[in-house]
PDB file of all heavy atoms in Angstrom:
ATOM      1  N   ASN A   1      82.324 130.941  89.592  1.00  0.00           N
ATOM      2  CA  ASN A   1      81.378 130.910  90.737  1.00  0.00           C
ATOM      3  C   ASN A   1      80.572 129.598  90.805  1.00  0.00           C
ATOM      4  O   ASN A   1      79.678 129.479  91.626  1.00  0.00           O
ATOM      5  CB  ASN A   1      80.428 132.108  90.694  1.00  0.00           C
ATOM      6  CG  ASN A   1      81.153 133.430  90.789  1.00  0.00           C
ATOM      7  OD1 ASN A   1      82.097 133.533  91.614  1.00  0.00           O
ATOM      8  ND2 ASN A   1      80.777 134.411  90.015  1.00  0.00           N
ATOM      9  N   VAL A   2      80.908 128.660  89.931  1.00  0.00           N
ATOM     10  CA  VAL A   2      80.203 127.392  89.887  1.00  0.00           C
ATOM     11  C   VAL A   2      81.158 126.283  90.413  1.00  0.00           C
ATOM     12  O   VAL A   2      82.246 126.161  89.898  1.00  0.00           O
ATOM     13  CB  VAL A   2      79.745 127.044  88.461  1.00  0.00           C
ATOM     14  CG1 VAL A   2      79.046 125.658  88.452  1.00  0.00           C
ATOM     15  CG2 VAL A   2      78.809 128.102  87.919  1.00  0.00           C
ATOM     16  N   ASP A   3      80.726 125.516  91.400  1.00  0.00           N
ATOM     17  CA  ASP A   3      81.586 124.476  91.959  1.00  0.00           C
ATOM     18  C   ASP A   3      81.678 123.299  91.004  1.00  0.00           C
ATOM     19  O   ASP A   3      80.793 123.015  90.207  1.00  0.00           O
ATOM     20  CB  ASP A   3      81.008 124.030  93.313  1.00  0.00           C
ATOM     21  CG  ASP A   3      81.170 125.063  94.411  1.00  0.00           C
ATOM     22  OD1 ASP A   3      82.094 125.891  94.307  1.00  0.00           O
ATOM     23  OD2 ASP A   3      80.397 125.023  95.362  1.00  0.00           O
ATOM     24  N   ASN A   4      82.776 122.549  91.151  1.00  0.00           N
ATOM     25  CA  ASN A   4      83.004 121.340  90.416  1.00  0.00           C
ATOM     26  C   ASN A   4      83.036 120.156  91.383  1.00  0.00           C
ATOM     27  O   ASN A   4      83.680 120.221  92.427  1.00  0.00           O
ATOM     28  CB  ASN A   4      84.298 121.396  89.589  1.00  0.00           C
ATOM     29  CG  ASN A   4      84.235 122.350  88.421  1.00  0.00           C
ATOM     30  OD1 ASN A   4      83.765 121.994  87.375  1.00  0.00           O
ATOM     31  ND2 ASN A   4      84.664 123.591  88.632  1.00  0.00           N
ATOM     32  N   TYR A   5      82.412 119.054  90.977  1.00  0.00           N
ATOM     33  CA  TYR A   5      82.411 117.821  91.779  1.00  0.00           C
ATOM     34  C   TYR A   5      82.791 116.665  90.854  1.00  0.00           C
ATOM     35  O   TYR A   5      82.303 116.573  89.718  1.00  0.00           O
ATOM     36  CB  TYR A   5      81.029 117.535  92.357  1.00  0.00           C
ATOM     37  CG  TYR A   5      80.566 118.566  93.364  1.00  0.00           C
ATOM     38  CD1 TYR A   5      80.023 119.782  92.920  1.00  0.00           C
ATOM     39  CD2 TYR A   5      80.614 118.342  94.709  1.00  0.00           C
ATOM     40  CE1 TYR A   5      79.584 120.761  93.835  1.00  0.00           C
ATOM     41  CE2 TYR A   5      80.162 119.264  95.649  1.00  0.00           C
ATOM     42  CZ  TYR A   5      79.658 120.478  95.171  1.00  0.00           C
ATOM     43  OH  TYR A   5      79.209 121.402  96.112  1.00  0.00           O
ATOM     44  N   PHE A   6      83.648 115.781  91.340  1.00  0.00           N
ATOM     45  CA  PHE A   6      83.906 114.537  90.607  1.00  0.00           C
ATOM     46  C   PHE A   6      83.070 113.418  91.224  1.00  0.00           C
ATOM     47  O   PHE A   6      83.225 113.123  92.426  1.00  0.00           O
ATOM     48  CB  PHE A   6      85.366 114.149  90.645  1.00  0.00           C
ATOM     49  CG  PHE A   6      85.675 112.986  89.783  1.00  0.00           C
ATOM     50  CD1 PHE A   6      85.886 113.111  88.428  1.00  0.00           C
ATOM     51  CD2 PHE A   6      85.675 111.703  90.351  1.00  0.00           C
ATOM     52  CE1 PHE A   6      86.085 111.973  87.665  1.00  0.00           C
ATOM     53  CE2 PHE A   6      85.881 110.584  89.581  1.00  0.00           C
ATOM     54  CZ  PHE A   6      86.081 110.722  88.207  1.00  0.00           C
ATOM     55  N   THR A   7      82.173 112.814  90.434  1.00  0.00           N
ATOM     56  CA  THR A   7      81.138 111.947  91.001  1.00  0.00           C
ATOM     57  C   THR A   7      81.178 110.492  90.548  1.00  0.00           C
ATOM     58  O   THR A   7      80.396 109.707  91.084  1.00  0.00           O
ATOM     59  CB  THR A   7      79.761 112.525  90.687  1.00  0.00           C
ATOM     60  OG1 THR A   7      79.625 112.797  89.271  1.00  0.00           O
ATOM     61  CG2 THR A   7      79.514 113.811  91.467  1.00  0.00           C
ATOM     62  N   GLU A   8      82.041 110.146  89.591  1.00  0.00           N
ATOM     63  CA  GLU A   8      82.081 108.690  89.251  1.00  0.00           C
ATOM     64  C   GLU A   8      83.318 108.306  88.496  1.00  0.00           C
ATOM     65  O   GLU A   8      83.692 108.958  87.503  1.00  0.00           O
ATOM     66  CB  GLU A   8      80.877 108.292  88.428  1.00  0.00           C
ATOM     67  CG  GLU A   8      80.857 106.772  88.117  1.00  0.00           C
ATOM     68  CD  GLU A   8      79.754 106.326  87.179  1.00  0.00           C
ATOM     69  OE1 GLU A   8      78.647 106.877  87.272  1.00  0.00           O
ATOM     70  OE2 GLU A   8      80.007 105.399  86.396  1.00  0.00           O
ATOM     71  N   CYS A   9      83.949 107.213  88.985  1.00  0.00           N
ATOM     72  CA  CYS A   9      84.921 106.461  88.187  1.00  0.00           C
ATOM     73  C   CYS A   9      84.942 105.045  88.777  1.00  0.00           C
ATOM     74  O   CYS A   9      84.827 104.886  89.984  1.00  0.00           O
ATOM     75  CB  CYS A   9      86.318 107.121  88.272  1.00  0.00           C
ATOM     76  SG  CYS A   9      87.448 106.532  86.976  1.00  0.00           S
ATOM     77  N   SER A  10      85.114 104.061  87.925  1.00  0.00           N
ATOM     78  CA  SER A  10      85.145 102.688  88.380  1.00  0.00           C
ATOM     79  C   SER A  10      86.471 102.001  88.060  1.00  0.00           C
ATOM     80  O   SER A  10      87.083 102.292  87.033  1.00  0.00           O
ATOM     81  CB  SER A  10      84.001 101.877  87.718  1.00  0.00           C
ATOM     82  OG  SER A  10      84.087 100.490  88.078  1.00  0.00           O
ATOM     83  N   GLY A  11      86.892 101.133  88.935  1.00  0.00           N
ATOM     84  CA  GLY A  11      87.941 100.201  88.614  1.00  0.00           C
ATOM     85  C   GLY A  11      87.419  99.081  87.758  1.00  0.00           C
ATOM     86  O   GLY A  11      86.187  98.824  87.777  1.00  0.00           O
ATOM     87  N   PHE A  12      88.283  98.407  87.024  1.00  0.00           N
ATOM     88  CA  PHE A  12      87.807  97.326  86.113  1.00  0.00           C
ATOM     89  C   PHE A  12      88.665  96.085  86.333  1.00  0.00           C
ATOM     90  O   PHE A  12      89.891  96.159  86.537  1.00  0.00           O
ATOM     91  CB  PHE A  12      87.902  97.770  84.665  1.00  0.00           C
ATOM     92  CG  PHE A  12      86.940  98.864  84.347  1.00  0.00           C
ATOM     93  CD1 PHE A  12      87.350 100.209  84.351  1.00  0.00           C
ATOM     94  CD2 PHE A  12      85.614  98.582  84.006  1.00  0.00           C
ATOM     95  CE1 PHE A  12      86.457 101.224  84.048  1.00  0.00           C
ATOM     96  CE2 PHE A  12      84.724  99.611  83.709  1.00  0.00           C
ATOM     97  CZ  PHE A  12      85.154 100.921  83.734  1.00  0.00           C
ATOM     98  N   ALA A  13      88.013  94.907  86.292  1.00  0.00           N
ATOM     99  CA  ALA A  13      88.688  93.655  86.426  1.00  0.00           C
ATOM    100  C   ALA A  13      89.733  93.477  85.318  1.00  0.00           C
ATOM    101  O   ALA A  13      90.692  92.709  85.519  1.00  0.00           O
ATOM    102  CB  ALA A  13      87.697  92.496  86.444  1.00  0.00           C
ATOM    103  N   SER A  14      89.526  94.095  84.187  1.00  0.00           N
ATOM    104  CA  SER A  14      90.469  93.976  83.084  1.00  0.00           C
ATOM    105  C   SER A  14      91.783  94.717  83.350  1.00  0.00           C
ATOM    106  O   SER A  14      92.735  94.573  82.592  1.00  0.00           O
ATOM    107  CB  SER A  14      89.853  94.520  81.795  1.00  0.00           C
ATOM    108  OG  SER A  14      89.394  95.861  81.980  1.00  0.00           O
ATOM    109  N   ALA A  15      91.815  95.484  84.444  1.00  0.00           N
ATOM    110  CA  ALA A  15      93.078  96.173  84.870  1.00  0.00           C
ATOM    111  C   ALA A  15      93.404  95.669  86.260  1.00  0.00           C
ATOM    112  O   ALA A  15      93.090  96.315  87.276  1.00  0.00           O
ATOM    113  CB  ALA A  15      92.871  97.679  84.847  1.00  0.00           C
ATOM    114  N   PRO A  16      94.058  94.511  86.386  1.00  0.00           N
ATOM    115  CA  PRO A  16      94.219  93.836  87.694  1.00  0.00           C
ATOM    116  C   PRO A  16      95.466  94.242  88.481  1.00  0.00           C
ATOM    117  O   PRO A  16      95.573  93.833  89.635  1.00  0.00           O
ATOM    118  CB  PRO A  16      94.285  92.353  87.296  1.00  0.00           C
ATOM    119  CG  PRO A  16      94.973  92.384  85.969  1.00  0.00           C
ATOM    120  CD  PRO A  16      94.509  93.628  85.290  1.00  0.00           C
ATOM    121  N   HIS A  17      96.376  95.015  87.902  1.00  0.00           N
ATOM    122  CA  HIS A  17      97.665  95.260  88.541  1.00  0.00           C
ATOM    123  C   HIS A  17      97.543  96.321  89.637  1.00  0.00           C
ATOM    124  O   HIS A  17      97.251  97.473  89.376  1.00  0.00           O
ATOM    125  CB  HIS A  17      98.693  95.660  87.509  1.00  0.00           C
ATOM    126  CG  HIS A  17      98.917  94.616  86.457  1.00  0.00           C
ATOM    127  ND1 HIS A  17      99.428  93.373  86.725  1.00  0.00           N
ATOM    128  CD2 HIS A  17      98.647  94.597  85.131  1.00  0.00           C
ATOM    129  CE1 HIS A  17      99.466  92.646  85.612  1.00  0.00           C
ATOM    130  NE2 HIS A  17      98.995  93.396  84.620  1.00  0.00           N
ATOM    131  N   PHE A  18      97.845  95.902  90.870  1.00  0.00           N
ATOM    132  CA  PHE A  18      97.625  96.784  92.054  1.00  0.00           C
ATOM    133  C   PHE A  18      98.412  98.068  91.917  1.00  0.00           C
ATOM    134  O   PHE A  18      97.849  99.154  92.092  1.00  0.00           O
ATOM    135  CB  PHE A  18      98.073  96.020  93.313  1.00  0.00           C
ATOM    136  CG  PHE A  18      97.717  96.735  94.591  1.00  0.00           C
ATOM    137  CD1 PHE A  18      96.596  96.379  95.318  1.00  0.00           C
ATOM    138  CD2 PHE A  18      98.498  97.764  95.099  1.00  0.00           C
ATOM    139  CE1 PHE A  18      96.262  97.037  96.510  1.00  0.00           C
ATOM    140  CE2 PHE A  18      98.180  98.403  96.258  1.00  0.00           C
ATOM    141  CZ  PHE A  18      97.039  98.062  96.970  1.00  0.00           C
ATOM    142  N   ARG A  19      99.701  98.013  91.643  1.00  0.00           N
ATOM    143  CA  ARG A  19     100.538  99.220  91.617  1.00  0.00           C
ATOM    144  C   ARG A  19     100.104 100.180  90.528  1.00  0.00           C
ATOM    145  O   ARG A  19     100.054 101.396  90.758  1.00  0.00           O
ATOM    146  CB  ARG A  19     102.010  98.844  91.429  1.00  0.00           C
ATOM    147  CG  ARG A  19     102.662  98.188  92.636  1.00  0.00           C
ATOM    148  CD  ARG A  19     104.122  98.417  92.708  1.00  0.00           C
ATOM    149  NE  ARG A  19     104.782  98.091  91.449  1.00  0.00           N
ATOM    150  CZ  ARG A  19     106.097  98.373  91.158  1.00  0.00           C
ATOM    151  NH1 ARG A  19     106.815  99.006  92.064  1.00  0.00           N
ATOM    152  NH2 ARG A  19     106.628  98.039  90.012  1.00  0.00           N
ATOM    153  N   ASP A  20      99.812  99.635  89.350  1.00  0.00           N
ATOM    154  CA  ASP A  20      99.375 100.531  88.252  1.00  0.00           C
ATOM    155  C   ASP A  20      98.053 101.227  88.592  1.00  0.00           C
ATOM    156  O   ASP A  20      97.876 102.406  88.301  1.00  0.00           O
ATOM    157  CB  ASP A  20      99.206  99.743  86.967  1.00  0.00           C
ATOM    158  CG  ASP A  20     100.562  99.235  86.423  1.00  0.00           C
ATOM    159  OD1 ASP A  20     101.612  99.782  86.835  1.00  0.00           O
ATOM    160  OD2 ASP A  20     100.543  98.331  85.586  1.00  0.00           O
ATOM    161  N   ASN A  21      97.122 100.491  89.208  1.00  0.00           N
ATOM    162  CA  ASN A  21      95.849 101.070  89.589  1.00  0.00           C
ATOM    163  C   ASN A  21      96.009 102.108  90.707  1.00  0.00           C
ATOM    164  O   ASN A  21      95.326 103.127  90.738  1.00  0.00           O
ATOM    165  CB  ASN A  21      94.871  99.970  90.036  1.00  0.00           C
ATOM    166  CG  ASN A  21      94.422  99.113  88.872  1.00  0.00           C
ATOM    167  OD1 ASN A  21      94.195  99.618  87.773  1.00  0.00           O
ATOM    168  ND2 ASN A  21      94.261  97.840  89.117  1.00  0.00           N
ATOM    169  N   LEU A  22      96.905 101.824  91.634  1.00  0.00           N
ATOM    170  CA  LEU A  22      97.203 102.742  92.727  1.00  0.00           C
ATOM    171  C   LEU A  22      97.676 104.057  92.139  1.00  0.00           C
ATOM    172  O   LEU A  22      97.173 105.147  92.506  1.00  0.00           O
ATOM    173  CB  LEU A  22      98.253 102.158  93.651  1.00  0.00           C
ATOM    174  CG  LEU A  22      98.688 103.052  94.822  1.00  0.00           C
ATOM    175  CD1 LEU A  22      97.707 102.919  95.975  1.00  0.00           C
ATOM    176  CD2 LEU A  22     100.108 102.675  95.294  1.00  0.00           C
ATOM    177  N   VAL A  23      98.656 103.984  91.240  1.00  0.00           N
ATOM    178  CA  VAL A  23      99.222 105.200  90.662  1.00  0.00           C
ATOM    179  C   VAL A  23      98.178 105.964  89.853  1.00  0.00           C
ATOM    180  O   VAL A  23      98.065 107.170  89.950  1.00  0.00           O
ATOM    181  CB  VAL A  23     100.441 104.844  89.776  1.00  0.00           C
ATOM    182  CG1 VAL A  23     100.900 106.064  88.946  1.00  0.00           C
ATOM    183  CG2 VAL A  23     101.587 104.323  90.627  1.00  0.00           C
ATOM    184  N   TRP A  24      97.421 105.237  89.014  1.00  0.00           N
ATOM    185  CA  TRP A  24      96.444 105.931  88.151  1.00  0.00           C
ATOM    186  C   TRP A  24      95.369 106.636  88.964  1.00  0.00           C
ATOM    187  O   TRP A  24      95.044 107.798  88.710  1.00  0.00           O
ATOM    188  CB  TRP A  24      95.779 104.929  87.194  1.00  0.00           C
ATOM    189  CG  TRP A  24      94.924 105.635  86.138  1.00  0.00           C
ATOM    190  CD1 TRP A  24      95.321 106.060  84.914  1.00  0.00           C
ATOM    191  CD2 TRP A  24      93.575 106.021  86.271  1.00  0.00           C
ATOM    192  NE1 TRP A  24      94.284 106.677  84.251  1.00  0.00           N
ATOM    193  CE2 TRP A  24      93.199 106.669  85.073  1.00  0.00           C
ATOM    194  CE3 TRP A  24      92.625 105.866  87.284  1.00  0.00           C
ATOM    195  CZ2 TRP A  24      91.933 107.177  84.858  1.00  0.00           C
ATOM    196  CZ3 TRP A  24      91.319 106.417  87.066  1.00  0.00           C
ATOM    197  CH2 TRP A  24      90.984 107.035  85.874  1.00  0.00           C
ATOM    198  N   ASN A  25      94.800 105.971  89.951  1.00  0.00           N
ATOM    199  CA  ASN A  25      93.732 106.575  90.762  1.00  0.00           C
ATOM    200  C   ASN A  25      94.222 107.830  91.520  1.00  0.00           C
ATOM    201  O   ASN A  25      93.532 108.825  91.571  1.00  0.00           O
ATOM    202  CB  ASN A  25      93.188 105.546  91.761  1.00  0.00           C
ATOM    203  CG  ASN A  25      92.101 104.685  91.149  1.00  0.00           C
ATOM    204  OD1 ASN A  25      90.949 105.088  91.069  1.00  0.00           O
ATOM    205  ND2 ASN A  25      92.469 103.485  90.742  1.00  0.00           N
ATOM    206  N   LEU A  26      95.427 107.729  92.086  1.00  0.00           N
ATOM    207  CA  LEU A  26      95.941 108.877  92.796  1.00  0.00           C
ATOM    208  C   LEU A  26      96.352 109.989  91.851  1.00  0.00           C
ATOM    209  O   LEU A  26      96.052 111.160  92.079  1.00  0.00           O
ATOM    210  CB  LEU A  26      97.123 108.461  93.672  1.00  0.00           C
ATOM    211  CG  LEU A  26      96.733 107.690  94.930  1.00  0.00           C
ATOM    212  CD1 LEU A  26      97.904 106.860  95.437  1.00  0.00           C
ATOM    213  CD2 LEU A  26      96.257 108.670  95.993  1.00  0.00           C
ATOM    214  N   ASP A  27      97.007 109.653  90.767  1.00  0.00           N
ATOM    215  CA  ASP A  27      97.504 110.613  89.823  1.00  0.00           C
ATOM    216  C   ASP A  27      96.334 111.407  89.130  1.00  0.00           C
ATOM    217  O   ASP A  27      96.335 112.617  89.135  1.00  0.00           O
ATOM    218  CB  ASP A  27      98.361 109.944  88.765  1.00  0.00           C
ATOM    219  CG  ASP A  27      98.918 110.894  87.719  1.00  0.00           C
ATOM    220  OD1 ASP A  27      99.174 112.070  88.090  1.00  0.00           O
ATOM    221  OD2 ASP A  27      99.083 110.485  86.582  1.00  0.00           O
ATOM    222  N   VAL A  28      95.364 110.673  88.651  1.00  0.00           N
ATOM    223  CA  VAL A  28      94.290 111.280  87.876  1.00  0.00           C
ATOM    224  C   VAL A  28      93.165 111.810  88.745  1.00  0.00           C
ATOM    225  O   VAL A  28      92.601 112.889  88.451  1.00  0.00           O
ATOM    226  CB  VAL A  28      93.756 110.248  86.817  1.00  0.00           C
ATOM    227  CG1 VAL A  28      92.545 110.841  86.089  1.00  0.00           C
ATOM    228  CG2 VAL A  28      94.839 109.842  85.880  1.00  0.00           C
TER     229      VAL A  28
END
């Protein structure tokens, strides 16, 4: 009966690869 909210995640300059970041953000 308690709702869940996801409220923070950041991208990082140390992970510059567009495709890998696209997949990770959508997947996770």
